[in-house]
C-alpha atoms as a PDB file:
ATOM      1  CA  MET A   1       8.027  24.993  27.904  1.00  0.00           C
ATOM      2  CA  LYS A   2       6.412  23.956  30.568  1.00  0.00           C
ATOM      3  CA  GLN A   3       8.128  22.294  33.340  1.00  0.00           C
ATOM      4  CA  ILE A   4       6.579  19.192  34.693  1.00  0.00           C
ATOM      5  CA  THR A   5       7.755  17.634  37.904  1.00  0.00           C
ATOM      6  CA  TYR A   6       8.936  14.066  38.542  1.00  0.00           C
ATOM      7  CA  PRO A   7       5.761  12.824  40.340  1.00  0.00           C
ATOM      8  CA  GLU A   8       3.852  14.189  37.492  1.00  0.00           C
ATOM      9  CA  PHE A   9       5.946  12.432  34.519  1.00  0.00           C
ATOM     10  CA  GLU A  10       6.012   9.384  36.538  1.00  0.00           C
ATOM     11  CA  GLN A  11       1.662   9.386  36.071  1.00  0.00           C
ATOM     12  CA  VAL A  12       2.045   9.016  32.550  1.00  0.00           C
ATOM     13  CA  GLU A  13       2.371   4.923  31.631  1.00  0.00           C
ATOM     14  CA  LEU A  14       4.894   4.371  29.035  1.00  0.00           C
ATOM     15  CA  ARG A  15       4.890   0.726  28.355  1.00  0.00           C
ATOM     16  CA  VAL A  16       5.872  -1.536  25.624  1.00  0.00           C
ATOM     17  CA  GLY A  17       3.845  -3.821  23.921  1.00  0.00           C
ATOM     18  CA  THR A  18       3.729  -6.309  20.550  1.00  0.00           C
ATOM     19  CA  ILE A  19       1.941  -5.892  17.918  1.00  0.00           C
ATOM     20  CA  THR A  20       0.080  -8.802  16.827  1.00  0.00           C
ATOM     21  CA  HIS A  21      -2.705  -7.388  14.196  1.00  0.00           C
ATOM     22  CA  ALA A  22      -2.651  -4.843  12.018  1.00  0.00           C
ATOM     23  CA  GLU A  23      -5.414  -3.484   9.159  1.00  0.00           C
ATOM     24  CA  THR A  24      -6.049  -0.520   7.476  1.00  0.00           C
ATOM     25  CA  PHE A  25      -8.504   2.190   8.592  1.00  0.00           C
ATOM     26  CA  PRO A  26     -10.501   3.071   6.034  1.00  0.00           C
ATOM     27  CA  GLN A  27     -13.276   5.136   7.676  1.00  0.00           C
ATOM     28  CA  ALA A  28     -10.143   7.827   9.503  1.00  0.00           C
ATOM     29  CA  ARG A  29      -9.675  11.518   8.229  1.00  0.00           C
ATOM     30  CA  LYS A  30      -5.764  10.881   7.903  1.00  0.00           C
ATOM     31  CA  PRO A  31      -4.636   7.354   6.544  1.00  0.00           C
ATOM     32  CA  ALA A  32      -4.094   4.766   9.532  1.00  0.00           C
ATOM     33  CA  TYR A  33      -3.679   1.424  10.888  1.00  0.00           C
ATOM     34  CA  LYS A  34      -5.994  -0.289  13.471  1.00  0.00           C
ATOM     35  CA  LEU A  35      -3.626  -2.213  15.893  1.00  0.00           C
ATOM     36  CA  THR A  36      -3.994  -4.413  18.046  1.00  0.00           C
ATOM     37  CA  ILE A  37      -1.064  -4.412  20.953  1.00  0.00           C
ATOM     38  CA  ASP A  38      -0.062  -6.887  23.587  1.00  0.00           C
ATOM     39  CA  PHE A  39       1.033  -5.461  26.804  1.00  0.00           C
ATOM     40  CA  GLY A  40       1.888  -8.442  28.921  1.00  0.00           C
ATOM     41  CA  PRO A  41      -0.595 -10.077  31.683  1.00  0.00           C
ATOM     42  CA  GLU A  42      -0.655  -7.170  33.642  1.00  0.00           C
ATOM     43  CA  ILE A  43      -2.167  -4.760  31.764  1.00  0.00           C
ATOM     44  CA  GLY A  44      -3.546  -6.994  28.672  1.00  0.00           C
ATOM     45  CA  THR A  45      -4.161  -6.352  25.228  1.00  0.00           C
ATOM     46  CA  LYS A  46      -5.160  -2.808  23.469  1.00  0.00           C
ATOM     47  CA  ARG A  47      -6.378  -1.390  20.305  1.00  0.00           C
ATOM     48  CA  SER A  48      -4.705   2.016  19.571  1.00  0.00           C
ATOM     49  CA  SER A  49      -5.322   4.149  15.812  1.00  0.00           C
ATOM     50  CA  ALA A  50      -1.837   4.888  14.067  1.00  0.00           C
ATOM     51  CA  GLN A  51      -1.356   7.296  11.456  1.00  0.00           C
ATOM     52  CA  ILE A  52       1.990   5.540  10.599  1.00  0.00           C
ATOM     53  CA  THR A  53       1.020   4.423   7.139  1.00  0.00           C
ATOM     54  CA  HIS A  54       4.015   6.085   4.901  1.00  0.00           C
ATOM     55  CA  TYR A  55       6.762   4.011   6.876  1.00  0.00           C
ATOM     56  CA  TYR A  56       5.165   0.810   7.520  1.00  0.00           C
ATOM     57  CA  THR A  57       2.536  -1.851   5.777  1.00  0.00           C
ATOM     58  CA  PRO A  58       0.185  -3.967   8.227  1.00  0.00           C
ATOM     59  CA  GLU A  59       2.308  -7.318   7.391  1.00  0.00           C
ATOM     60  CA  GLN A  60       5.486  -5.346   8.534  1.00  0.00           C
ATOM     61  CA  LEU A  61       4.083  -4.290  12.007  1.00  0.00           C
ATOM     62  CA  ILE A  62       2.966  -7.942  12.984  1.00  0.00           C
ATOM     63  CA  GLY A  63       5.562  -8.708  16.461  1.00  0.00           C
ATOM     64  CA  THR A  64       7.222  -5.420  16.511  1.00  0.00           C
ATOM     65  CA  GLN A  65       7.316  -3.655  20.073  1.00  0.00           C
ATOM     66  CA  VAL A  66       6.098  -0.274  20.214  1.00  0.00           C
ATOM     67  CA  VAL A  67       6.173   2.146  23.075  1.00  0.00           C
ATOM     68  CA  ALA A  68       2.455   3.392  24.213  1.00  0.00           C
ATOM     69  CA  VAL A  69       0.684   5.482  26.632  1.00  0.00           C
ATOM     70  CA  VAL A  70      -1.735   3.098  27.937  1.00  0.00           C
ATOM     71  CA  ASN A  71      -3.514   5.242  30.661  1.00  0.00           C
ATOM     72  CA  PHE A  72      -5.138   7.620  28.531  1.00  0.00           C
ATOM     73  CA  ALA A  73      -9.054   7.847  28.549  1.00  0.00           C
ATOM     74  CA  ALA A  74     -10.134   5.642  25.287  1.00  0.00           C
ATOM     75  CA  LYS A  75     -10.899   7.712  22.488  1.00  0.00           C
ATOM     76  CA  GLN A  76     -13.756   7.037  19.692  1.00  0.00           C
ATOM     77  CA  ILE A  77     -12.432   7.790  16.200  1.00  0.00           C
ATOM     78  CA  GLY A  78     -15.036   6.867  13.622  1.00  0.00           C
ATOM     79  CA  PRO A  79     -16.734   3.673  14.169  1.00  0.00           C
ATOM     80  CA  PHE A  80     -13.272   2.710  16.239  1.00  0.00           C
ATOM     81  CA  ILE A  81     -12.145   3.167  19.888  1.00  0.00           C
ATOM     82  CA  SER A  82      -8.585   3.508  20.324  1.00  0.00           C
ATOM     83  CA  GLU A  83      -7.388   2.671  23.934  1.00  0.00           C
ATOM     84  CA  CYS A  84      -3.877   3.528  23.935  1.00  0.00           C
ATOM     85  CA  LEU A  85      -1.887   5.963  22.269  1.00  0.00           C
ATOM     86  CA  THR A  86       0.919   4.500  19.969  1.00  0.00           C
ATOM     87  CA  THR A  87       4.171   6.832  20.361  1.00  0.00           C
ATOM     88  CA  GLY A  88       6.603   8.099  16.910  1.00  0.00           C
ATOM     89  CA  PHE A  89       8.401  11.101  15.734  1.00  0.00           C
ATOM     90  CA  ALA A  90       7.654  12.947  12.923  1.00  0.00           C
ATOM     91  CA  ASP A  91      10.011  13.586   9.781  1.00  0.00           C
ATOM     92  CA  SER A  92      10.540  16.529   8.402  1.00  0.00           C
ATOM     93  CA  GLU A  93       7.697  16.319   6.175  1.00  0.00           C
ATOM     94  CA  GLY A  94       5.232  14.724   9.059  1.00  0.00           C
ATOM     95  CA  ASN A  95       5.246  11.405   8.675  1.00  0.00           C
ATOM     96  CA  ILE A  96       5.761   9.316  11.222  1.00  0.00           C
ATOM     97  CA  THR A  97       8.352   6.758  12.789  1.00  0.00           C
ATOM     98  CA  LEU A  98       7.703   4.457  15.867  1.00  0.00           C
ATOM     99  CA  THR A  99       9.056   4.847  19.121  1.00  0.00           C
ATOM    100  CA  ARG A 100      10.470   1.154  19.517  1.00  0.00           C
ATOM    101  CA  PRO A 101      13.028  -0.596  22.230  1.00  0.00           C
ATOM    102  CA  GLU A 102      16.411  -1.327  20.493  1.00  0.00           C
ATOM    103  CA  HIS A 103      16.821  -4.660  21.684  1.00  0.00           C
ATOM    104  CA  PRO A 104      13.407  -6.457  23.012  1.00  0.00           C
ATOM    105  CA  VAL A 105      12.010  -6.592  25.950  1.00  0.00           C
ATOM    106  CA  PRO A 106       9.067  -8.003  28.160  1.00  0.00           C
ATOM    107  CA  ASN A 107       5.671  -6.635  27.059  1.00  0.00           C
ATOM    108  CA  GLY A 108       4.473  -4.215  29.466  1.00  0.00           C
ATOM    109  CA  THR A 109       7.774  -3.059  30.607  1.00  0.00           C
ATOM    110  CA  LYS A 110       7.396   0.654  31.855  1.00  0.00           C
ATOM    111  CA  LEU A 111       9.774   3.859  30.511  1.00  0.00           C
ATOM    112  CA  PHE A 112      11.931   5.226  32.832  1.00  0.00           C
END
């Protein structure tokens, strides 16, 4: 495993945001949702494509806080532009479970 320095880690903007909209993404190669996430007034709203369809429905995701990398360059995924990377962990079968704070925190809060 490659070691990084603390200043390198500080360059990754892992922030908490609340999902305000979720819908299916039928054009994605793997099952995914298109998410709209509110990261608070400093960062604003960003969109993300997330392969989290195994454990979640779009309706369940609304109001959920998630951890995302907000300083990646935008990525074209089919007809959709993903502006942030929603994080999660794969279970033993490769299904993703979201990275979320245990208790509510203000949108835009940075992970330390």
